[in-house]
Amino acid sequence: MQTINIHEAKTHLSRLVEDAALGNVFIIAKAGKPMVKVSPLAVDENQKILKLGFMPGEIMVPDDFDTLESGVLSDLFEGRLS
């Protein structure tokens, strides 16, 4: 997390606010002492990162998925089938 002194924060306030709105949290310090933490109020729906497990129950993976068609796959890999 970036720490910025208060003078620099006043000079670059517009840019810093835009960065914070994008999720770049930073700290404003006075004389080297941290005073406030600046973070966005809300995250835009378009900026949310999808994580594993976001569709529970929607996709079914068969129990034999790791061995499914392994014979045919081996034959193709070894050039026995074309």
Protein backbone atom coordinates (compact mmCIF):
# COMPACT_ATOMS: atom_id res chain seq x y z
CA MET A 1 0.00 0.00 0.00
CA GLN A 2 1.37 3.37 -1.03
CA THR A 3 1.92 6.17 1.50
CA ILE A 4 1.72 9.77 0.23
CA ASN A 5 2.50 12.93 2.17
CA ILE A 6 -0.28 15.48 2.53
CA HIS A 7 1.39 18.12 0.32
CA GLU A 8 1.75 15.65 -2.57
CA ALA A 9 -1.83 14.46 -2.02
CA LYS A 10 -3.13 18.04 -2.35
CA THR A 11 -1.08 18.55 -5.51
CA HIS A 12 -2.28 15.33 -7.19
CA LEU A 13 -5.72 14.95 -5.61
CA SER A 14 -7.66 14.35 -8.85
CA ARG A 15 -5.37 11.55 -9.99
CA LEU A 16 -5.26 9.97 -6.53
CA VAL A 17 -9.07 9.99 -6.25
CA GLU A 18 -9.36 8.30 -9.65
CA ASP A 19 -6.80 5.67 -8.60
CA ALA A 20 -8.65 5.06 -5.33
CA ALA A 21 -11.95 4.67 -7.21
CA LEU A 22 -10.28 1.90 -9.23
CA GLY A 23 -9.36 0.09 -6.02
CA ASN A 24 -5.83 1.41 -5.43
CA VAL A 25 -6.00 2.07 -1.70
CA PHE A 26 -3.40 4.47 -0.27
CA ILE A 27 -2.49 6.25 2.96
CA ILE A 28 -2.05 9.99 3.44
CA ALA A 29 0.62 10.91 5.99
CA LYS A 30 1.51 14.18 7.72
CA ALA A 31 5.17 14.60 8.70
CA GLY A 32 5.66 10.89 8.06
CA LYS A 33 2.84 9.87 10.43
CA PRO A 34 -0.06 7.99 8.74
CA MET A 35 -3.28 9.98 9.13
CA VAL A 36 -5.96 8.51 6.83
CA LYS A 37 -6.51 5.56 4.52
CA VAL A 38 -8.24 6.35 1.21
CA SER A 39 -10.29 3.56 -0.39
CA PRO A 40 -13.25 3.36 -2.79
CA LEU A 41 -16.80 3.57 -1.44
CA ALA A 42 -18.15 0.81 -3.69
CA VAL A 43 -16.74 -1.52 -6.32
CA ASP A 44 -18.37 -1.30 -9.73
CA GLU A 45 -20.05 -4.55 -10.82
CA ASN A 46 -17.87 -4.60 -13.96
CA GLN A 47 -14.69 -4.57 -11.86
CA LYS A 48 -15.54 -7.57 -9.70
CA ILE A 49 -13.28 -10.55 -10.26
CA LEU A 50 -15.02 -13.87 -10.74
CA LYS A 51 -13.71 -16.58 -8.48
CA LEU A 52 -13.84 -20.36 -8.60
CA GLY A 53 -17.09 -21.62 -7.21
CA PHE A 54 -19.23 -18.83 -8.63
CA MET A 55 -21.68 -21.33 -10.19
CA PRO A 56 -22.27 -24.00 -7.54
CA GLY A 57 -24.52 -26.80 -8.79
CA GLU A 58 -24.55 -25.53 -12.39
CA ILE A 59 -21.83 -27.77 -13.82
CA MET A 60 -21.53 -31.52 -13.27
CA VAL A 61 -18.19 -33.28 -13.76
CA PRO A 62 -18.42 -37.06 -14.21
CA ASP A 63 -16.56 -39.28 -11.72
CA ASP A 64 -14.49 -40.85 -14.53
CA PHE A 65 -13.48 -37.47 -16.02
CA ASP A 66 -9.75 -38.13 -15.66
CA THR A 67 -9.99 -41.50 -17.49
CA LEU A 68 -12.76 -40.59 -19.96
CA GLU A 69 -11.88 -41.93 -23.46
CA SER A 70 -8.30 -42.61 -22.30
CA GLY A 71 -7.92 -45.54 -24.71
CA VAL A 72 -8.89 -43.49 -27.75
CA LEU A 73 -6.76 -40.60 -26.57
CA SER A 74 -3.71 -42.86 -26.17
CA ASP A 75 -4.26 -44.36 -29.62
CA LEU A 76 -4.49 -40.88 -31.19
CA PHE A 77 -1.41 -39.68 -29.31
CA GLU A 78 0.63 -42.71 -30.40
CA GLY A 79 -0.53 -42.50 -34.02
CA ARG A 80 -2.58 -45.72 -34.09
CA LEU A 81 -5.75 -43.87 -35.12
CA SER A 82 -6.14 -40.99 -37.50
